[in-house]
Amino acid sequence: MSSPVPRWSAATNVVPYVLLAVLVAFTVVGKRSEGESPLIDLALCALAGAWMLWVHTLHPAWRERESVMAVFFTVLIATMAVLVLRDSWFGFFAPAGYLYAFRVLRWPWQQAGVAAVALVAAAAQAHGLDKTTLFGLACYVAIIAANVLPMCGFAWFARRSAQQNAERERALAQVREANRRLEATLAENAALHEQLLARAREAGVHAERQRMAREIHDTLAQGLIGIVTQLHAAEHAGDDPAGWRRHVAAATGLARESLSEARRSVNELRPEPLRTARLGEALAAVAERWSALHGIAVQATTTGTVRSVRPEAEVALLRCAQEALANVAKHARATRVGVTLSYLEQEVALDVRDDGEGFEGARLGEGAADSADADRGGFGLVAMRQRIEGLSGTLQVESEPGAGTGISARVPAEPAEVHG
């Protein structure tokens, strides 16, 4: 049975029997010293002990039955009252009565039970008063008030405190449920967002493939067909040197036009930041946008003499910077990031360093970092390494737990004109 105060199971199973045992011993000694027989008192004590043992202690399931506990408490209080009327020292059994009142009675019957125990205790305390006089009666009323009012007030405050605790528990349960639903909604929204992004990427890739197919068909394919046609015509020119030269010149012109178209198409495939800016400026713009998006300070620096390098090298370094920054946002929990582009004598170097958590297994020039990155759910470092090494460059990763991560990509500094 629920109670507005804590369930003092151990106390109600021990304290009443200890008090009763002490009072039995005191009764035996006191009665014999007065020359009286303690049998009736002992019989009442045995009745009280057997009643508590049978109804409350040995049958814990009965404690949840309100009517059974009401009968139990009523019989126990009646037995206490008889004992107090016979010997006032049985008023010391009142703590056991209070324990049972708080333990087994529901509100508002708990208040009545506490008042009944207080009345029995007051009767024991006022045993020696002469209640036939006005003064004695006034003292008796004062003793009753001194017992009933504080204990009933305590019961009321205990009930109020239990109600407030229950309200707090309900409020916390509602907050937890609301948080659970919010998390579920956020997770669902995140999944939907990912699906929309995936579909948008697929649509973009599909559209770009169609555009490139049209471009290749309308430019390169048509140009190659024209070249083949002119070369065939040159083969059939026979003894006509002028016709042969004319067809070869036409084929050469078509080849140059096709080469120009191929270069234009490749240039259009360059990342957007590189279309209108140099590599250093493009890296600064990427870092600035990334910093604004993630709220992490980024310092982008360019050192050395800026010069033109192969477009594929610029693209590779830019993609490495973007991938490194994406990894910082996903894994590092950093507060500062540095992006440095260095134009050296024989190579161009890109360094991206953060002060984040770092990770184990990163060793210079080895694949351990790739494994660590794959363990964290991606293959960014693997792709970066493949992209850089495909240009005869190198990719190095340095990281320790708590010491941040550094990624250094280096590619040969061959001028753009060599591959123009």
Protein backbone atom coordinates (compact mmCIF):
# COMPACT_ATOMS: atom_id res chain seq x y z
CA MET A 1 0.00 0.00 0.00
CA SER A 2 1.39 3.35 -0.97
CA SER A 3 2.16 5.87 1.71
CA PRO A 4 3.00 9.59 1.60
CA VAL A 5 6.20 8.96 3.57
CA PRO A 6 9.05 6.60 2.79
CA ARG A 7 8.32 2.94 3.30
CA TRP A 8 10.09 2.17 6.52
CA SER A 9 9.79 -1.60 6.05
CA ALA A 10 12.83 -2.44 8.13
CA ALA A 11 11.70 -0.12 10.94
CA THR A 12 8.16 -1.55 11.11
CA ASN A 13 9.55 -5.11 11.14
CA VAL A 14 12.00 -4.46 14.00
CA VAL A 15 11.16 -1.44 16.19
CA PRO A 16 7.69 -2.59 17.42
CA TYR A 17 9.04 -5.96 18.59
CA VAL A 18 12.03 -4.37 20.36
CA LEU A 19 9.78 -1.88 22.15
CA LEU A 20 7.33 -4.62 23.10
CA ALA A 21 10.13 -6.85 24.42
CA VAL A 22 11.53 -4.04 26.58
CA LEU A 23 8.08 -3.20 27.94
CA VAL A 24 7.37 -6.87 28.70
CA ALA A 25 10.57 -7.12 30.71
CA PHE A 26 9.77 -3.87 32.51
CA THR A 27 6.23 -5.10 33.23
CA VAL A 28 7.45 -8.38 34.70
CA VAL A 29 9.94 -6.62 36.97
CA GLY A 30 7.50 -3.88 37.96
CA LYS A 31 4.55 -6.14 38.68
CA ARG A 32 6.59 -8.54 40.77
CA SER A 33 8.10 -5.69 42.76
CA GLU A 34 4.57 -4.51 43.51
CA GLY A 35 3.39 -8.02 44.29
CA GLU A 36 0.92 -8.12 41.41
CA SER A 37 0.44 -10.74 38.70
CA PRO A 38 1.64 -9.71 35.20
CA LEU A 39 -0.32 -12.45 33.41
CA ILE A 40 -3.04 -10.22 31.94
CA ASP A 41 -0.47 -7.68 30.74
CA LEU A 42 1.69 -10.42 29.28
CA ALA A 43 -1.33 -11.92 27.55
CA LEU A 44 -2.17 -8.54 25.99
CA CYS A 45 1.47 -8.10 24.93
CA ALA A 46 1.47 -11.58 23.41
CA LEU A 47 -1.76 -10.74 21.58
CA ALA A 48 -0.22 -7.51 20.22
CA GLY A 49 2.98 -9.28 19.16
CA ALA A 50 1.16 -12.17 17.50
CA TRP A 51 -1.20 -9.77 15.75
CA MET A 52 1.71 -7.70 14.31
CA LEU A 53 3.63 -10.83 13.34
CA TRP A 54 0.74 -12.58 11.60
CA VAL A 55 -1.00 -9.72 9.82
CA HIS A 56 1.88 -7.41 8.98
CA THR A 57 5.23 -9.20 9.10
CA LEU A 58 4.41 -12.67 7.77
CA HIS A 59 1.94 -11.52 5.12
CA PRO A 60 3.54 -8.58 3.29
CA ALA A 61 1.02 -8.89 0.46
CA TRP A 62 -1.76 -7.91 2.88
CA ARG A 63 -0.13 -4.49 3.29
CA GLU A 64 -1.56 -3.53 -0.10
CA ARG A 65 -5.13 -4.30 1.03
CA GLU A 66 -6.62 -1.18 2.56
CA SER A 67 -9.44 -2.85 4.50
CA VAL A 68 -7.12 -5.46 6.06
CA MET A 69 -4.67 -2.80 7.19
CA ALA A 70 -7.49 -0.70 8.65
CA VAL A 71 -8.62 -3.67 10.78
CA PHE A 72 -5.00 -4.42 11.73
CA PHE A 73 -4.36 -0.87 12.91
CA THR A 74 -7.67 -0.59 14.78
CA VAL A 75 -7.07 -3.81 16.73
CA LEU A 76 -3.48 -2.79 17.52
CA ILE A 77 -4.51 0.67 18.79
CA ALA A 78 -7.28 -0.86 20.89
CA THR A 79 -4.78 -3.26 22.46
CA MET A 80 -2.39 -0.36 23.09
CA ALA A 81 -5.18 1.63 24.77
CA VAL A 82 -6.04 -1.27 27.10
CA LEU A 83 -2.35 -1.71 28.00
CA VAL A 84 -1.98 2.04 28.68
CA LEU A 85 -5.09 2.04 30.87
CA ARG A 86 -3.62 -0.83 32.90
CA ASP A 87 -0.01 0.48 33.01
CA SER A 88 0.96 3.96 31.86
CA TRP A 89 4.47 2.91 30.85
CA PHE A 90 2.97 1.27 27.78
CA GLY A 91 2.76 4.80 26.40
CA PHE A 92 6.35 4.17 25.30
CA PHE A 93 4.87 1.82 22.69
CA ALA A 94 3.48 4.89 20.88
CA PRO A 95 6.44 5.13 18.40
CA ALA A 96 5.43 1.73 17.05
CA GLY A 97 1.88 3.01 16.59
CA TYR A 98 3.14 6.04 14.64
CA LEU A 99 5.27 3.83 12.43
CA TYR A 100 2.30 1.67 11.53
CA ALA A 101 0.06 4.72 10.99
CA PHE A 102 2.48 6.17 8.43
CA ARG A 103 3.23 2.78 6.94
CA VAL A 104 -0.14 1.07 6.41
CA LEU A 105 -2.84 3.78 6.33
CA ARG A 106 -3.86 5.80 3.28
CA TRP A 107 -4.74 9.48 3.37
CA PRO A 108 -6.96 10.84 4.98
CA TRP A 109 -7.27 7.82 7.30
CA GLN A 110 -3.60 8.24 8.10
CA GLN A 111 -4.39 11.53 9.83
CA ALA A 112 -7.03 9.84 11.97
CA GLY A 113 -4.63 6.99 12.83
CA VAL A 114 -1.91 9.43 13.90
CA ALA A 115 -4.45 11.30 16.07
CA ALA A 116 -5.55 8.02 17.70
CA VAL A 117 -1.95 7.08 18.58
CA ALA A 118 -1.39 10.62 19.94
CA LEU A 119 -4.50 10.28 22.14
CA VAL A 120 -3.23 6.99 23.56
CA ALA A 121 0.18 8.55 24.23
CA ALA A 122 -1.48 11.57 25.88
CA ALA A 123 -3.55 9.25 28.07
CA ALA A 124 -0.36 7.56 29.24
CA GLN A 125 1.35 10.89 29.95
CA ALA A 126 -1.71 12.23 31.87
CA HIS A 127 -2.15 9.01 33.87
CA GLY A 128 -1.38 10.66 37.23
CA LEU A 129 -3.46 13.81 36.74
CA ASP A 130 -6.60 14.47 38.75
CA LYS A 131 -9.07 15.06 35.96
CA THR A 132 -11.90 15.96 38.34
CA THR A 133 -10.42 19.42 38.94
CA LEU A 134 -10.41 22.25 36.47
CA PHE A 135 -6.63 22.52 36.59
CA GLY A 136 -6.18 18.81 36.03
CA LEU A 137 -8.64 18.84 33.16
CA ALA A 138 -6.88 21.82 31.60
CA CYS A 139 -3.53 20.04 31.91
CA TYR A 140 -5.04 16.93 30.33
CA VAL A 141 -6.36 18.94 27.38
CA ALA A 142 -2.95 20.63 27.02
CA ILE A 143 -1.21 17.24 27.00
CA ILE A 144 -3.60 15.98 24.33
CA ALA A 145 -3.02 19.08 22.23
CA ALA A 146 0.75 18.78 22.69
CA ASN A 147 0.59 15.25 21.28
CA VAL A 148 -2.11 15.48 18.64
CA LEU A 149 -1.32 18.83 16.98
CA PRO A 150 2.41 18.32 16.27
CA MET A 151 1.96 14.75 15.06
CA CYS A 152 -1.03 15.60 12.85
CA GLY A 153 0.87 18.62 11.55
CA PHE A 154 3.84 16.41 10.77
CA ALA A 155 1.55 13.98 8.96
CA TRP A 156 0.08 16.83 6.91
CA PHE A 157 3.51 18.21 5.96
CA ALA A 158 4.70 14.68 5.12
CA ARG A 159 1.67 14.23 2.88
CA ARG A 160 2.28 17.60 1.21
CA SER A 161 5.95 16.78 0.65
CA ALA A 162 5.02 13.41 -0.86
CA GLN A 163 2.57 15.10 -3.22
CA GLN A 164 5.22 17.61 -4.32
CA ASN A 165 7.72 14.79 -4.89
CA ALA A 166 5.13 12.92 -6.92
CA GLU A 167 4.41 16.05 -8.98
CA ARG A 168 8.14 16.53 -9.58
CA GLU A 169 8.47 12.91 -10.66
CA ARG A 170 5.55 13.30 -13.06
CA ALA A 171 7.04 16.52 -14.42
CA LEU A 172 10.42 14.85 -14.89
CA ALA A 173 8.77 11.89 -16.58
CA GLN A 174 6.95 14.27 -18.92
CA VAL A 175 10.20 16.12 -19.67
CA ARG A 176 11.99 12.84 -20.35
CA GLU A 177 9.20 11.74 -22.66
CA ALA A 178 9.24 15.10 -24.42
CA ASN A 179 13.03 14.86 -24.83
CA ARG A 180 12.68 11.33 -26.18
CA ARG A 181 10.09 12.46 -28.72
CA LEU A 182 12.21 15.48 -29.64
CA GLU A 183 15.26 13.28 -30.18
CA ALA A 184 13.19 10.91 -32.29
CA THR A 185 11.86 13.85 -34.33
CA LEU A 186 15.35 15.30 -34.78
CA ALA A 187 16.68 11.91 -35.83
CA GLU A 188 13.83 11.54 -38.30
CA ASN A 189 14.41 15.04 -39.65
CA ALA A 190 18.14 14.34 -39.96
CA ALA A 191 17.42 11.14 -41.87
CA LEU A 192 15.01 12.98 -44.17
CA HIS A 193 17.58 15.73 -44.66
CA GLU A 194 20.23 13.17 -45.57
CA GLN A 195 17.83 11.55 -48.03
CA LEU A 196 17.07 14.91 -49.62
CA LEU A 197 20.78 15.72 -49.87
CA ALA A 198 21.50 12.30 -51.36
CA ARG A 199 18.74 12.71 -53.93
CA ALA A 200 19.91 16.22 -54.72
CA ARG A 201 23.46 14.96 -55.21
CA GLU A 202 22.20 12.11 -57.40
CA ALA A 203 20.12 14.52 -59.44
CA GLY A 204 23.09 16.87 -59.80
CA VAL A 205 25.42 14.05 -60.82
CA HIS A 206 22.87 12.77 -63.32
CA ALA A 207 22.33 16.23 -64.79
CA GLU A 208 26.09 16.82 -65.02
CA ARG A 209 26.58 13.47 -66.75
CA GLN A 210 23.90 14.34 -69.28
CA ARG A 211 25.47 17.74 -69.87
CA MET A 212 28.92 16.21 -70.30
CA ALA A 213 27.51 13.60 -72.68
CA ARG A 214 25.96 16.37 -74.77
CA GLU A 215 29.19 18.37 -74.65
CA ILE A 216 31.30 15.39 -75.74
CA HIS A 217 28.84 14.51 -78.50
CA ASP A 218 28.49 18.05 -79.78
CA THR A 219 32.20 18.96 -79.64
CA LEU A 220 34.78 16.21 -79.22
CA ALA A 221 32.85 13.42 -80.93
CA GLN A 222 31.86 15.61 -83.87
CA GLY A 223 35.41 16.93 -84.14
CA LEU A 224 36.88 13.40 -84.12
CA ILE A 225 34.39 12.33 -86.80
CA GLY A 226 35.47 15.29 -88.89
CA ILE A 227 39.16 14.42 -88.43
CA VAL A 228 38.55 10.79 -89.43
CA THR A 229 36.58 11.97 -92.50
CA GLN A 230 39.33 14.33 -93.61
CA LEU A 231 42.04 11.67 -93.12
CA HIS A 232 40.03 9.19 -95.17
CA ALA A 233 39.65 11.82 -97.87
CA ALA A 234 43.40 12.43 -97.76
CA GLU A 235 44.03 8.70 -98.28
CA HIS A 236 41.84 8.74 -101.38
CA ALA A 237 43.42 11.90 -102.77
CA GLY A 238 45.87 9.74 -104.62
CA ASP A 239 48.08 11.73 -106.98
CA ASP A 240 46.47 15.06 -106.06
CA PRO A 241 49.02 16.67 -103.69
CA ALA A 242 46.97 19.82 -103.36
CA GLY A 243 43.88 17.87 -102.35
CA TRP A 244 45.90 15.75 -99.95
CA ARG A 245 47.36 18.85 -98.24
CA ARG A 246 43.94 20.45 -98.09
CA HIS A 247 42.43 17.43 -96.30
CA VAL A 248 45.38 17.10 -93.90
CA ALA A 249 45.19 20.82 -93.08
CA ALA A 250 41.46 20.48 -92.43
CA ALA A 251 42.11 17.49 -90.15
CA THR A 252 44.81 19.43 -88.32
CA GLY A 253 42.47 22.39 -87.85
CA LEU A 254 39.75 20.12 -86.53
CA ALA A 255 42.26 18.52 -84.13
CA ARG A 256 43.24 21.95 -82.77
CA GLU A 257 39.60 22.95 -82.35
CA SER A 258 38.85 19.65 -80.57
CA LEU A 259 41.84 20.18 -78.27
CA SER A 260 40.56 23.67 -77.43
CA GLU A 261 37.10 22.28 -76.72
CA ALA A 262 38.61 19.55 -74.53
CA ARG A 263 40.55 22.14 -72.53
CA ARG A 264 37.42 24.27 -72.16
CA SER A 265 35.43 21.28 -70.90
CA VAL A 266 38.16 20.38 -68.41
CA ASN A 267 38.30 23.97 -67.22
CA GLU A 268 34.54 23.94 -66.63
CA LEU A 269 35.00 20.89 -64.44
CA ARG A 270 37.33 22.80 -62.14
CA PRO A 271 35.89 23.51 -58.64
CA GLU A 272 33.90 26.71 -58.45
CA PRO A 273 36.43 28.50 -56.15
CA LEU A 274 39.20 27.94 -58.75
CA ARG A 275 37.25 29.30 -61.68
CA THR A 276 37.57 32.93 -60.63
CA ALA A 277 40.48 32.94 -58.16
CA ARG A 278 43.98 31.65 -57.57
CA LEU A 279 44.52 28.61 -55.36
CA GLY A 280 45.47 30.63 -52.27
CA GLU A 281 42.42 32.88 -52.61
CA ALA A 282 40.20 29.86 -53.24
CA LEU A 283 41.52 28.16 -50.09
CA ALA A 284 40.91 31.33 -48.04
CA ALA A 285 37.34 31.55 -49.35
CA VAL A 286 36.68 27.87 -48.56
CA ALA A 287 38.13 28.29 -45.06
CA GLU A 288 36.06 31.43 -44.43
CA ARG A 289 32.82 29.73 -45.46
CA TRP A 290 33.68 26.66 -43.39
CA SER A 291 34.48 28.80 -40.33
CA ALA A 292 31.18 30.68 -40.62
CA LEU A 293 29.27 27.41 -40.94
CA HIS A 294 30.88 25.61 -38.00
CA GLY A 295 31.84 28.49 -35.72
CA ILE A 296 35.51 27.44 -35.53
CA ALA A 297 38.31 29.95 -36.07
CA VAL A 298 40.38 29.27 -39.22
CA GLN A 299 43.58 31.04 -40.25
CA ALA A 300 44.39 30.66 -43.96
CA THR A 301 47.95 31.63 -44.97
CA THR A 302 49.88 31.57 -48.25
CA THR A 303 53.70 31.62 -48.21
CA GLY A 304 56.33 31.72 -50.93
CA THR A 305 56.19 33.13 -54.44
CA VAL A 306 52.76 32.47 -55.93
CA ARG A 307 52.96 30.90 -59.39
CA SER A 308 50.75 28.97 -61.74
CA VAL A 309 50.74 25.18 -61.36
CA ARG A 310 48.94 22.38 -63.10
CA PRO A 311 45.12 22.67 -62.84
CA GLU A 312 44.85 19.06 -61.65
CA ALA A 313 47.33 19.84 -58.86
CA GLU A 314 45.30 22.88 -57.78
CA VAL A 315 42.11 20.80 -57.81
CA ALA A 316 43.77 18.05 -55.77
CA LEU A 317 45.07 20.46 -53.11
CA LEU A 318 41.72 22.26 -52.88
CA ARG A 319 39.84 18.96 -52.50
CA CYS A 320 42.30 17.83 -49.81
CA ALA A 321 41.71 21.05 -47.88
CA GLN A 322 37.93 20.62 -48.12
CA GLU A 323 38.14 16.98 -46.99
CA ALA A 324 40.49 17.83 -44.11
CA LEU A 325 38.15 20.61 -42.89
CA ALA A 326 35.17 18.25 -43.18
CA ASN A 327 37.02 15.71 -40.99
CA VAL A 328 37.78 18.43 -38.42
CA ALA A 329 34.08 19.34 -38.26
CA LYS A 330 33.01 15.70 -37.90
CA HIS A 331 35.63 14.31 -35.54
CA ALA A 332 38.13 16.73 -34.06
CA ARG A 333 36.12 18.99 -31.70
CA ALA A 334 38.72 21.66 -32.37
CA THR A 335 38.69 25.33 -31.44
CA ARG A 336 41.30 26.52 -33.95
CA VAL A 337 42.39 25.38 -37.41
CA GLY A 338 45.28 26.53 -39.58
CA VAL A 339 45.39 26.16 -43.38
CA THR A 340 48.79 26.96 -44.95
CA LEU A 341 49.61 26.92 -48.68
CA SER A 342 53.36 27.01 -49.32
CA TYR A 343 54.98 27.56 -52.74
CA LEU A 344 58.37 25.86 -52.42
CA GLU A 345 61.18 25.48 -54.95
CA GLN A 346 60.24 22.04 -56.21
CA GLU A 347 56.75 21.52 -54.86
CA VAL A 348 53.57 23.10 -53.54
CA ALA A 349 52.58 22.09 -50.00
CA LEU A 350 49.24 22.26 -48.20
CA ASP A 351 49.14 21.90 -44.40
CA VAL A 352 45.91 21.67 -42.38
CA ARG A 353 46.35 21.52 -38.60
CA ASP A 354 43.83 21.58 -35.75
CA ASP A 355 43.98 21.58 -31.94
CA GLY A 356 41.27 18.93 -31.55
CA GLU A 357 41.12 15.52 -29.93
CA GLY A 358 43.34 13.69 -32.41
CA PHE A 359 43.32 9.92 -32.74
CA GLU A 360 45.59 6.92 -32.31
CA GLY A 361 47.36 5.12 -35.12
CA ALA A 362 48.41 8.11 -37.25
CA ARG A 363 52.03 7.70 -38.37
CA LEU A 364 53.94 9.64 -40.96
CA GLY A 365 53.59 8.35 -44.47
CA GLU A 366 51.81 5.12 -43.46
CA GLY A 367 48.30 3.76 -43.86
CA ALA A 368 47.48 3.66 -40.15
CA ALA A 369 45.74 6.99 -40.37
CA ASP A 370 43.66 5.66 -43.23
CA SER A 371 42.52 2.77 -41.04
CA ALA A 372 41.71 5.14 -38.22
CA ASP A 373 39.70 7.31 -40.57
CA ALA A 374 37.87 4.27 -41.93
CA ASP A 375 37.09 3.20 -38.38
CA ARG A 376 35.44 6.57 -37.82
CA GLY A 377 33.04 5.93 -40.65
CA GLY A 378 34.68 7.48 -43.72
CA PHE A 379 37.37 7.03 -46.36
CA GLY A 380 38.38 10.66 -46.75
CA LEU A 381 42.09 10.16 -45.99
CA VAL A 382 42.24 7.20 -48.36
CA ALA A 383 40.75 9.30 -51.18
CA MET A 384 43.07 12.20 -50.35
CA ARG A 385 46.12 9.94 -50.45
CA GLN A 386 45.07 8.40 -53.75
CA ARG A 387 44.40 11.82 -55.28
CA ILE A 388 47.80 13.23 -54.20
CA GLU A 389 49.85 10.13 -55.01
CA GLY A 390 48.20 10.05 -58.44
CA LEU A 391 50.05 13.32 -59.10
CA SER A 392 53.38 11.88 -57.83
CA GLY A 393 52.87 13.72 -54.56
CA THR A 394 52.89 12.66 -50.90
CA LEU A 395 50.38 12.83 -48.07
CA GLN A 396 51.47 12.73 -44.42
CA VAL A 397 49.28 12.57 -41.30
CA GLU A 398 50.37 13.35 -37.75
CA SER A 399 47.97 12.89 -34.82
CA GLU A 400 47.99 11.96 -31.14
CA PRO A 401 45.05 11.73 -28.70
CA GLY A 402 44.60 15.18 -27.18
CA ALA A 403 47.28 16.79 -29.37
CA GLY A 404 45.31 17.55 -32.52
CA THR A 405 45.89 16.41 -36.08
CA GLY A 406 48.08 17.66 -38.91
CA ILE A 407 47.70 16.76 -42.60
CA SER A 408 50.40 17.71 -45.10
CA ALA A 409 49.90 17.26 -48.86
CA ARG A 410 52.72 17.97 -51.31
CA VAL A 411 52.67 17.88 -55.12
CA PRO A 412 55.42 18.71 -57.64
CA ALA A 413 55.45 22.37 -58.60
CA GLU A 414 55.38 21.86 -62.35
CA PRO A 415 54.16 25.00 -64.17
CA ALA A 416 50.83 24.94 -65.94
CA GLU A 417 52.47 25.61 -69.31
CA VAL A 418 54.20 22.22 -69.28
CA HIS A 419 50.84 20.48 -69.50
CA GLY A 420 48.92 23.19 -71.31
